[in-house]
Amino acid sequence: MKKVKAGKIREMAATELDKRSGEIREELFKLRFQHATGQLENPVRMRTLRRELARVLTVQHEQAAAKPAGKAG
């Protein structure tokens, strides 16, 4: 799978980021099981997914910080 650049991730909407983060977490979960059972064919894929997840989470935090805080009552 092709590496996703941070610029492309920043163009995504919040719902797309949530969906992508869930997909990455699910795939990492499956890869961890394959690794534990010795069936993992491409160990580099785990690293690339962890880094992509970090990019997605970073953009989510940036977007959350950019939103103005709600009014305090």
N, C-alpha and C. Protein backbone atom coordinates (compact mmCIF):
# COMPACT_ATOMS: atom_id res chain seq x y z
N MET A 1 0.84 -1.18 0.00
CA MET A 1 0.00 0.00 0.00
C MET A 1 0.88 1.24 0.00
N LYS A 2 0.42 2.25 -0.69
CA LYS A 2 1.19 3.48 -0.83
C LYS A 2 1.14 4.31 0.45
N LYS A 3 2.24 4.95 0.77
CA LYS A 3 2.32 5.79 1.96
C LYS A 3 1.44 7.02 1.78
N VAL A 4 0.69 7.36 2.82
CA VAL A 4 -0.19 8.52 2.77
C VAL A 4 0.56 9.71 3.37
N LYS A 5 0.63 10.78 2.62
CA LYS A 5 1.35 11.98 3.06
C LYS A 5 0.47 12.79 4.01
N ALA A 6 1.10 13.57 4.86
CA ALA A 6 0.38 14.38 5.84
C ALA A 6 -0.51 15.41 5.16
N GLY A 7 -0.10 15.91 4.01
CA GLY A 7 -0.92 16.89 3.29
C GLY A 7 -2.26 16.30 2.89
N LYS A 8 -2.27 15.05 2.43
CA LYS A 8 -3.52 14.38 2.06
C LYS A 8 -4.39 14.16 3.30
N ILE A 9 -3.76 13.83 4.41
CA ILE A 9 -4.50 13.59 5.64
C ILE A 9 -5.14 14.89 6.12
N ARG A 10 -4.43 16.00 5.98
CA ARG A 10 -4.97 17.29 6.43
C ARG A 10 -6.18 17.73 5.61
N GLU A 11 -6.31 17.20 4.38
CA GLU A 11 -7.44 17.54 3.54
C GLU A 11 -8.70 16.77 3.92
N MET A 12 -8.56 15.73 4.73
CA MET A 12 -9.70 14.90 5.12
C MET A 12 -10.57 15.61 6.15
N ALA A 13 -11.85 15.28 6.11
CA ALA A 13 -12.79 15.80 7.11
C ALA A 13 -12.63 14.99 8.40
N ALA A 14 -13.19 15.51 9.47
CA ALA A 14 -13.07 14.86 10.78
C ALA A 14 -13.66 13.45 10.76
N THR A 15 -14.78 13.27 10.08
CA THR A 15 -15.39 11.94 10.03
C THR A 15 -14.51 10.96 9.24
N GLU A 16 -13.88 11.46 8.19
CA GLU A 16 -12.98 10.60 7.42
C GLU A 16 -11.77 10.20 8.26
N LEU A 17 -11.27 11.13 9.07
CA LEU A 17 -10.13 10.83 9.93
C LEU A 17 -10.50 9.77 10.97
N ASP A 18 -11.70 9.90 11.54
CA ASP A 18 -12.16 8.90 12.51
C ASP A 18 -12.26 7.52 11.87
N LYS A 19 -12.82 7.50 10.66
CA LYS A 19 -12.98 6.23 9.95
C LYS A 19 -11.62 5.62 9.63
N ARG A 20 -10.69 6.44 9.13
CA ARG A 20 -9.35 5.95 8.77
C ARG A 20 -8.60 5.44 9.99
N SER A 21 -8.72 6.16 11.10
CA SER A 21 -8.04 5.75 12.32
C SER A 21 -8.56 4.39 12.78
N GLY A 22 -9.88 4.16 12.67
CA GLY A 22 -10.45 2.87 13.03
C GLY A 22 -9.95 1.76 12.12
N GLU A 23 -9.86 2.05 10.82
CA GLU A 23 -9.37 1.05 9.87
C GLU A 23 -7.93 0.68 10.17
N ILE A 24 -7.12 1.66 10.47
CA ILE A 24 -5.71 1.40 10.76
C ILE A 24 -5.57 0.57 12.03
N ARG A 25 -6.33 0.94 13.06
CA ARG A 25 -6.27 0.19 14.32
C ARG A 25 -6.68 -1.27 14.13
N GLU A 26 -7.71 -1.48 13.32
CA GLU A 26 -8.19 -2.83 13.05
C GLU A 26 -7.12 -3.64 12.31
N GLU A 27 -6.50 -3.03 11.31
CA GLU A 27 -5.47 -3.74 10.56
C GLU A 27 -4.24 -4.03 11.44
N LEU A 28 -3.87 -3.08 12.29
CA LEU A 28 -2.75 -3.31 13.21
C LEU A 28 -3.06 -4.47 14.16
N PHE A 29 -4.29 -4.54 14.61
CA PHE A 29 -4.71 -5.62 15.50
C PHE A 29 -4.50 -6.98 14.82
N LYS A 30 -4.93 -7.06 13.56
CA LYS A 30 -4.78 -8.31 12.81
C LYS A 30 -3.31 -8.64 12.57
N LEU A 31 -2.52 -7.61 12.27
CA LEU A 31 -1.10 -7.84 12.03
C LEU A 31 -0.37 -8.30 13.30
N ARG A 32 -0.80 -7.79 14.45
CA ARG A 32 -0.18 -8.22 15.72
C ARG A 32 -0.42 -9.71 15.95
N PHE A 33 -1.63 -10.17 15.64
CA PHE A 33 -1.92 -11.59 15.78
C PHE A 33 -1.07 -12.42 14.82
N GLN A 34 -0.94 -11.96 13.59
CA GLN A 34 -0.11 -12.68 12.63
C GLN A 34 1.34 -12.73 13.10
N HIS A 35 1.80 -11.63 13.67
CA HIS A 35 3.17 -11.57 14.17
C HIS A 35 3.36 -12.55 15.34
N ALA A 36 2.39 -12.61 16.23
CA ALA A 36 2.48 -13.48 17.40
C ALA A 36 2.47 -14.96 17.00
N THR A 37 1.76 -15.28 15.93
CA THR A 37 1.69 -16.67 15.51
C THR A 37 2.74 -17.03 14.47
N GLY A 38 3.58 -16.08 14.11
CA GLY A 38 4.65 -16.35 13.15
C GLY A 38 4.20 -16.38 11.71
N GLN A 39 3.05 -15.81 11.41
CA GLN A 39 2.52 -15.84 10.05
C GLN A 39 2.66 -14.51 9.33
N LEU A 40 3.29 -13.54 9.95
CA LEU A 40 3.40 -12.21 9.36
C LEU A 40 4.38 -12.23 8.19
N GLU A 41 3.90 -11.83 7.01
CA GLU A 41 4.74 -11.86 5.82
C GLU A 41 5.54 -10.58 5.65
N ASN A 42 4.97 -9.43 6.01
CA ASN A 42 5.63 -8.15 5.79
C ASN A 42 5.67 -7.35 7.10
N PRO A 43 6.72 -7.52 7.90
CA PRO A 43 6.78 -6.82 9.19
C PRO A 43 6.91 -5.30 9.04
N VAL A 44 7.35 -4.83 7.90
CA VAL A 44 7.48 -3.39 7.68
C VAL A 44 6.10 -2.73 7.65
N ARG A 45 5.08 -3.49 7.26
CA ARG A 45 3.72 -2.96 7.19
C ARG A 45 3.26 -2.47 8.56
N MET A 46 3.66 -3.14 9.63
CA MET A 46 3.28 -2.71 10.98
C MET A 46 3.84 -1.32 11.26
N ARG A 47 5.08 -1.11 10.89
CA ARG A 47 5.72 0.18 11.13
C ARG A 47 5.03 1.29 10.34
N THR A 48 4.75 1.03 9.08
CA THR A 48 4.12 2.06 8.26
C THR A 48 2.72 2.39 8.76
N LEU A 49 1.99 1.38 9.23
CA LEU A 49 0.66 1.64 9.78
C LEU A 49 0.72 2.44 11.07
N ARG A 50 1.68 2.11 11.93
CA ARG A 50 1.82 2.88 13.18
C ARG A 50 2.13 4.34 12.88
N ARG A 51 2.96 4.57 11.89
CA ARG A 51 3.31 5.95 11.54
C ARG A 51 2.13 6.67 10.90
N GLU A 52 1.38 5.96 10.08
CA GLU A 52 0.20 6.59 9.47
C GLU A 52 -0.84 6.91 10.54
N LEU A 53 -1.00 6.02 11.51
CA LEU A 53 -1.93 6.28 12.61
C LEU A 53 -1.48 7.52 13.39
N ALA A 54 -0.18 7.65 13.61
CA ALA A 54 0.34 8.82 14.31
C ALA A 54 0.05 10.10 13.52
N ARG A 55 0.17 10.03 12.21
CA ARG A 55 -0.15 11.20 11.37
C ARG A 55 -1.62 11.57 11.49
N VAL A 56 -2.49 10.57 11.44
CA VAL A 56 -3.92 10.82 11.52
C VAL A 56 -4.27 11.44 12.88
N LEU A 57 -3.73 10.87 13.95
CA LEU A 57 -4.01 11.39 15.28
C LEU A 57 -3.47 12.80 15.47
N THR A 58 -2.31 13.08 14.89
CA THR A 58 -1.73 14.42 14.97
C THR A 58 -2.64 15.44 14.28
N VAL A 59 -3.13 15.10 13.11
CA VAL A 59 -4.02 16.01 12.39
C VAL A 59 -5.32 16.20 13.15
N GLN A 60 -5.83 15.12 13.76
CA GLN A 60 -7.05 15.25 14.56
C GLN A 60 -6.83 16.21 15.73
N HIS A 61 -5.69 16.10 16.39
CA HIS A 61 -5.39 17.00 17.51
C HIS A 61 -5.21 18.43 17.03
N GLU A 62 -4.58 18.60 15.88
CA GLU A 62 -4.42 19.95 15.33
C GLU A 62 -5.77 20.58 15.02
N GLN A 63 -6.66 19.79 14.42
CA GLN A 63 -7.98 20.31 14.10
C GLN A 63 -8.78 20.63 15.35
N ALA A 64 -8.64 19.80 16.37
CA ALA A 64 -9.35 20.06 17.63
C ALA A 64 -8.83 21.32 18.29
N ALA A 65 -7.53 21.56 18.21
CA ALA A 65 -6.94 22.74 18.82
C ALA A 65 -7.29 24.01 18.04
N ALA A 66 -7.53 23.87 16.74
CA ALA A 66 -7.86 25.02 15.91
C ALA A 66 -9.30 25.48 16.09
N LYS A 67 -10.16 24.58 16.55
CA LYS A 67 -11.56 24.95 16.77
C LYS A 67 -11.65 25.88 17.97
N PRO A 68 -12.48 26.92 17.89
CA PRO A 68 -12.65 27.78 19.06
C PRO A 68 -13.38 27.03 20.17
N ALA A 69 -12.98 27.29 21.38
CA ALA A 69 -13.58 26.63 22.53
C ALA A 69 -15.02 27.09 22.68
N GLY A 70 -15.87 26.21 23.19
CA GLY A 70 -17.28 26.54 23.42
C GLY A 70 -17.41 27.59 24.51
N LYS A 71 -18.51 28.29 24.49
CA LYS A 71 -18.73 29.34 25.49
C LYS A 71 -18.97 28.72 26.86
N ALA A 72 -18.33 29.27 27.86
CA ALA A 72 -18.53 28.83 29.22
C ALA A 72 -19.74 29.56 29.79
N GLY A 73 -20.61 28.82 30.46
CA GLY A 73 -21.86 29.38 30.97
C GLY A 73 -21.66 30.25 32.11
